Amino acid sequence: METNSEIISDLKNLLSIVNDGKEGYESACEITDKIELQGAFLKYAAQRAGYAEELKTHIATHGGVANNEEGGILGALHRTWIDVKQSLSSKEDVAILEAVITGEKTALEKYDKYIADYASHADHMQLLKTHREGILNALKEMEGLLIQRST
C-alpha cells in the first residue's frame, strides 16, 4: 500500500502533466492562424487549468501543498508537451496536431498507470477517471482534426 507522501507525490506528477498540457495547448493556439484550431486549443487549455485546480484541491485534502502553476521539469516522460513547442516553429497545423496528440497519449498513459496503482483508493478514482475521460475526448478530437488536415 502506498504511503500518503507517495500518493501526494504521484498527484503532483499528474499536476505537472496537466499543466504541461495547458502550456502546450496555449502555445499551439498562439502559433496557428486557424480559428477552428485556436478554439479547440483554448478549450482544452481551459480544461487542463480546471484539472490542475481539482488536483491541487485533492492534494490539499491529503495534507499536501501544490503551488505548481507550470509544467514539471521531471524529465521527458512528464515533458512530452515540450514537443509541441518545438513543432510549433514549423507553423504547420499537421505538425502541431501530431505533437498535441503525442502529448495526450503520454498523459493517458500516466493516468492509466495511476488509476491501476490506486484502484483501492476510492477517493482518487472518480477524479482520475473524469480527467482521463476528458483527455481521451481531447485526443479523439485532435485525431479528427489531424485527419481533416491530412487529406
C-alpha atoms as a PDB file:
ATOM      1  CA  MET A   1       0.000   0.000   0.000  1.00  0.00           C
ATOM      2  CA  GLU A   2       1.236   3.474  -0.899  1.00  0.00           C
ATOM      3  CA  THR A   3       2.048   5.980   1.804  1.00  0.00           C
ATOM      4  CA  ASN A   4       0.303   9.320   1.908  1.00  0.00           C
ATOM      5  CA  SER A   5       3.519  11.066   0.814  1.00  0.00           C
ATOM      6  CA  GLU A   6       3.771   8.729  -2.210  1.00  0.00           C
ATOM      7  CA  ILE A   7       0.173   9.492  -3.123  1.00  0.00           C
ATOM      8  CA  ILE A   8       0.802  13.229  -2.841  1.00  0.00           C
ATOM      9  CA  SER A   9       3.939  12.880  -4.967  1.00  0.00           C
ATOM     10  CA  ASP A  10       2.023  10.986  -7.654  1.00  0.00           C
ATOM     11  CA  LEU A  11      -0.781  13.558  -7.631  1.00  0.00           C
ATOM     12  CA  LYS A  12       1.818  16.318  -8.017  1.00  0.00           C
ATOM     13  CA  ASN A  13       3.218  14.432 -11.026  1.00  0.00           C
ATOM     14  CA  LEU A  14      -0.263  14.436 -12.553  1.00  0.00           C
ATOM     15  CA  LEU A  15      -0.500  18.149 -11.772  1.00  0.00           C
ATOM     16  CA  SER A  16       2.700  18.690 -13.762  1.00  0.00           C
ATOM     17  CA  ILE A  17       1.248  16.688 -16.632  1.00  0.00           C
ATOM     18  CA  VAL A  18      -1.988  18.689 -16.801  1.00  0.00           C
ATOM     19  CA  ASN A  19      -0.023  21.936 -16.528  1.00  0.00           C
ATOM     20  CA  ASP A  20       2.223  20.734 -19.366  1.00  0.00           C
ATOM     21  CA  GLY A  21      -0.930  20.092 -21.382  1.00  0.00           C
ATOM     22  CA  LYS A  22      -2.296  23.556 -20.616  1.00  0.00           C
ATOM     23  CA  GLU A  23       1.001  25.150 -21.679  1.00  0.00           C
ATOM     24  CA  GLY A  24       1.127  23.012 -24.812  1.00  0.00           C
ATOM     25  CA  TYR A  25      -2.384  23.975 -25.868  1.00  0.00           C
ATOM     26  CA  GLU A  26      -1.709  27.648 -25.168  1.00  0.00           C
ATOM     27  CA  SER A  27       1.477  27.521 -27.255  1.00  0.00           C
ATOM     28  CA  ALA A  28      -0.331  25.726 -30.067  1.00  0.00           C
ATOM     29  CA  CYS A  29      -3.061  28.377 -30.015  1.00  0.00           C
ATOM     30  CA  GLU A  30      -0.507  31.183 -30.298  1.00  0.00           C
ATOM     31  CA  ILE A  31       1.126  29.652 -33.351  1.00  0.00           C
ATOM     32  CA  THR A  32      -1.740  28.546 -35.545  1.00  0.00           C
ATOM     33  CA  ASP A  33      -3.727  31.070 -37.500  1.00  0.00           C
ATOM     34  CA  LYS A  34      -6.707  28.738 -37.958  1.00  0.00           C
ATOM     35  CA  ILE A  35      -9.699  29.904 -35.890  1.00  0.00           C
ATOM     36  CA  GLU A  36     -11.087  26.356 -35.570  1.00  0.00           C
ATOM     37  CA  LEU A  37      -7.825  25.079 -34.113  1.00  0.00           C
ATOM     38  CA  GLN A  38      -7.434  28.087 -31.850  1.00  0.00           C
ATOM     39  CA  GLY A  39     -10.891  27.435 -30.409  1.00  0.00           C
ATOM     40  CA  ALA A  40     -10.151  23.768 -29.752  1.00  0.00           C
ATOM     41  CA  PHE A  41      -6.760  24.541 -28.243  1.00  0.00           C
ATOM     42  CA  LEU A  42      -8.193  27.216 -25.936  1.00  0.00           C
ATOM     43  CA  LYS A  43     -10.989  24.890 -24.854  1.00  0.00           C
ATOM     44  CA  TYR A  44      -8.535  22.199 -23.794  1.00  0.00           C
ATOM     45  CA  ALA A  45      -6.124  24.681 -22.196  1.00  0.00           C
ATOM     46  CA  ALA A  46      -9.033  25.821 -20.014  1.00  0.00           C
ATOM     47  CA  GLN A  47      -9.970  22.211 -19.293  1.00  0.00           C
ATOM     48  CA  ARG A  48      -6.426  21.466 -18.116  1.00  0.00           C
ATOM     49  CA  ALA A  49      -6.435  24.579 -15.922  1.00  0.00           C
ATOM     50  CA  GLY A  50      -9.585  23.212 -14.305  1.00  0.00           C
ATOM     51  CA  TYR A  51      -7.976  19.809 -13.829  1.00  0.00           C
ATOM     52  CA  ALA A  52      -4.993  21.498 -12.195  1.00  0.00           C
ATOM     53  CA  GLU A  53      -7.256  23.242  -9.687  1.00  0.00           C
ATOM     54  CA  GLU A  54      -9.034  19.970  -8.910  1.00  0.00           C
ATOM     55  CA  LEU A  55      -5.716  18.206  -8.363  1.00  0.00           C
ATOM     56  CA  LYS A  56      -4.468  20.994  -6.100  1.00  0.00           C
ATOM     57  CA  THR A  57      -7.626  20.687  -4.009  1.00  0.00           C
ATOM     58  CA  HIS A  58      -7.261  16.914  -3.871  1.00  0.00           C
ATOM     59  CA  ILE A  59      -3.604  17.199  -2.870  1.00  0.00           C
ATOM     60  CA  ALA A  60      -4.563  19.628  -0.096  1.00  0.00           C
ATOM     61  CA  THR A  61      -7.235  17.182   1.095  1.00  0.00           C
ATOM     62  CA  HIS A  62      -4.441  14.667   1.599  1.00  0.00           C
ATOM     63  CA  GLY A  63      -2.277  17.130   3.502  1.00  0.00           C
ATOM     64  CA  GLY A  64      -0.026  18.206   0.651  1.00  0.00           C
ATOM     65  CA  VAL A  65       0.725  21.597  -0.823  1.00  0.00           C
ATOM     66  CA  ALA A  66       0.759  22.173  -4.558  1.00  0.00           C
ATOM     67  CA  ASN A  67       1.655  25.642  -5.764  1.00  0.00           C
ATOM     68  CA  ASN A  68       2.624  24.378  -9.200  1.00  0.00           C
ATOM     69  CA  GLU A  69       1.244  26.654 -11.905  1.00  0.00           C
ATOM     70  CA  GLU A  70       3.532  25.341 -14.616  1.00  0.00           C
ATOM     71  CA  GLY A  71       4.567  22.039 -16.025  1.00  0.00           C
ATOM     72  CA  GLY A  72       7.233  19.988 -14.357  1.00  0.00           C
ATOM     73  CA  ILE A  73      10.895  19.508 -15.023  1.00  0.00           C
ATOM     74  CA  LEU A  74      10.715  15.823 -14.219  1.00  0.00           C
ATOM     75  CA  GLY A  75      12.198  14.538 -17.427  1.00  0.00           C
ATOM     76  CA  ALA A  76      10.992  13.551 -20.874  1.00  0.00           C
ATOM     77  CA  LEU A  77       8.124  11.376 -19.712  1.00  0.00           C
ATOM     78  CA  HIS A  78       6.456  14.298 -17.985  1.00  0.00           C
ATOM     79  CA  ARG A  79       7.507  16.843 -20.565  1.00  0.00           C
ATOM     80  CA  THR A  80       6.254  15.315 -23.789  1.00  0.00           C
ATOM     81  CA  TRP A  81       4.344  18.523 -24.327  1.00  0.00           C
ATOM     82  CA  ILE A  82       7.652  20.236 -24.964  1.00  0.00           C
ATOM     83  CA  ASP A  83       7.414  18.560 -28.366  1.00  0.00           C
ATOM     84  CA  VAL A  84       4.508  20.876 -29.072  1.00  0.00           C
ATOM     85  CA  LYS A  85       6.645  23.943 -28.576  1.00  0.00           C
ATOM     86  CA  GLN A  86       9.396  22.537 -30.780  1.00  0.00           C
ATOM     87  CA  SER A  87       6.946  21.558 -33.507  1.00  0.00           C
ATOM     88  CA  LEU A  88       5.283  24.932 -33.437  1.00  0.00           C
ATOM     89  CA  SER A  89       8.178  26.680 -35.100  1.00  0.00           C
ATOM     90  CA  SER A  90       7.189  24.991 -38.333  1.00  0.00           C
ATOM     91  CA  LYS A  91       3.720  26.597 -38.103  1.00  0.00           C
ATOM     92  CA  GLU A  92       2.266  23.615 -39.913  1.00  0.00           C
ATOM     93  CA  ASP A  93      -1.057  22.566 -38.486  1.00  0.00           C
ATOM     94  CA  VAL A  94      -0.359  18.881 -39.111  1.00  0.00           C
ATOM     95  CA  ALA A  95       2.898  19.052 -37.126  1.00  0.00           C
ATOM     96  CA  ILE A  96       1.178  20.958 -34.315  1.00  0.00           C
ATOM     97  CA  LEU A  97      -1.637  18.424 -34.118  1.00  0.00           C
ATOM     98  CA  GLU A  98       0.779  15.495 -34.191  1.00  0.00           C
ATOM     99  CA  ALA A  99       2.688  16.978 -31.261  1.00  0.00           C
ATOM    100  CA  VAL A 100      -0.530  17.614 -29.327  1.00  0.00           C
ATOM    101  CA  ILE A 101      -1.627  14.012 -29.960  1.00  0.00           C
ATOM    102  CA  THR A 102       1.716  12.719 -28.674  1.00  0.00           C
ATOM    103  CA  GLY A 103       1.256  14.777 -25.505  1.00  0.00           C
ATOM    104  CA  GLU A 104      -2.276  13.488 -24.992  1.00  0.00           C
ATOM    105  CA  LYS A 105      -1.204   9.874 -25.417  1.00  0.00           C
ATOM    106  CA  THR A 106       1.529  10.340 -22.823  1.00  0.00           C
ATOM    107  CA  ALA A 107      -0.938  11.927 -20.407  1.00  0.00           C
ATOM    108  CA  LEU A 108      -3.319   8.990 -20.885  1.00  0.00           C
ATOM    109  CA  GLU A 109      -0.516   6.520 -20.157  1.00  0.00           C
ATOM    110  CA  LYS A 110       0.258   8.272 -16.867  1.00  0.00           C
ATOM    111  CA  TYR A 111      -3.402   8.436 -15.867  1.00  0.00           C
ATOM    112  CA  ASP A 112      -3.816   4.743 -16.715  1.00  0.00           C
ATOM    113  CA  LYS A 113      -0.830   3.909 -14.525  1.00  0.00           C
ATOM    114  CA  TYR A 114      -2.128   5.878 -11.557  1.00  0.00           C
ATOM    115  CA  ILE A 115      -5.652   4.514 -11.980  1.00  0.00           C
ATOM    116  CA  ALA A 116      -4.232   0.976 -11.870  1.00  0.00           C
ATOM    117  CA  ASP A 117      -1.959   1.817  -8.923  1.00  0.00           C
ATOM    118  CA  TYR A 118      -4.731   3.378  -6.875  1.00  0.00           C
ATOM    119  CA  ALA A 119      -7.615   1.054  -7.661  1.00  0.00           C
ATOM    120  CA  SER A 120      -8.070   0.530  -3.919  1.00  0.00           C
ATOM    121  CA  HIS A 121      -8.296   4.282  -3.230  1.00  0.00           C
ATOM    122  CA  ALA A 122     -11.883   5.159  -3.983  1.00  0.00           C
ATOM    123  CA  ASP A 123     -11.383   8.862  -3.260  1.00  0.00           C
ATOM    124  CA  HIS A 124      -8.970   9.151  -6.190  1.00  0.00           C
ATOM    125  CA  MET A 125     -10.851   7.072  -8.731  1.00  0.00           C
ATOM    126  CA  GLN A 126     -13.627   9.463  -9.702  1.00  0.00           C
ATOM    127  CA  LEU A 127     -11.236  12.378 -10.108  1.00  0.00           C
ATOM    128  CA  LEU A 128      -8.676  10.409 -12.113  1.00  0.00           C
ATOM    129  CA  LYS A 129     -11.288   8.710 -14.294  1.00  0.00           C
ATOM    130  CA  THR A 130     -13.010  12.022 -15.032  1.00  0.00           C
ATOM    131  CA  HIS A 131      -9.709  13.595 -16.057  1.00  0.00           C
ATOM    132  CA  ARG A 132      -8.792  10.556 -18.139  1.00  0.00           C
ATOM    133  CA  GLU A 133     -12.139  10.698 -19.955  1.00  0.00           C
ATOM    134  CA  GLY A 134     -11.602  14.376 -20.775  1.00  0.00           C
ATOM    135  CA  ILE A 135      -8.085  13.717 -22.041  1.00  0.00           C
ATOM    136  CA  LEU A 136      -9.347  10.832 -24.172  1.00  0.00           C
ATOM    137  CA  ASN A 137     -12.054  13.054 -25.668  1.00  0.00           C
ATOM    138  CA  ALA A 138      -9.454  15.727 -26.429  1.00  0.00           C
ATOM    139  CA  LEU A 139      -7.248  13.103 -28.071  1.00  0.00           C
ATOM    140  CA  LYS A 140     -10.121  11.924 -30.258  1.00  0.00           C
ATOM    141  CA  GLU A 141     -10.925  15.483 -31.304  1.00  0.00           C
ATOM    142  CA  MET A 142      -7.274  16.225 -32.122  1.00  0.00           C
ATOM    143  CA  GLU A 143      -7.030  12.991 -34.131  1.00  0.00           C
ATOM    144  CA  GLY A 144     -10.159  14.020 -36.047  1.00  0.00           C
ATOM    145  CA  LEU A 145      -8.692  17.440 -36.771  1.00  0.00           C
ATOM    146  CA  LEU A 146      -5.471  15.796 -37.930  1.00  0.00           C
ATOM    147  CA  ILE A 147      -7.363  13.512 -40.315  1.00  0.00           C
ATOM    148  CA  GLN A 148      -9.193  16.540 -41.779  1.00  0.00           C
ATOM    149  CA  ARG A 149      -5.912  18.316 -42.425  1.00  0.00           C
ATOM    150  CA  SER A 150      -4.017  15.290 -43.688  1.00  0.00           C
ATOM    151  CA  THR A 151      -6.349  14.570 -46.558  1.00  0.00           C
END
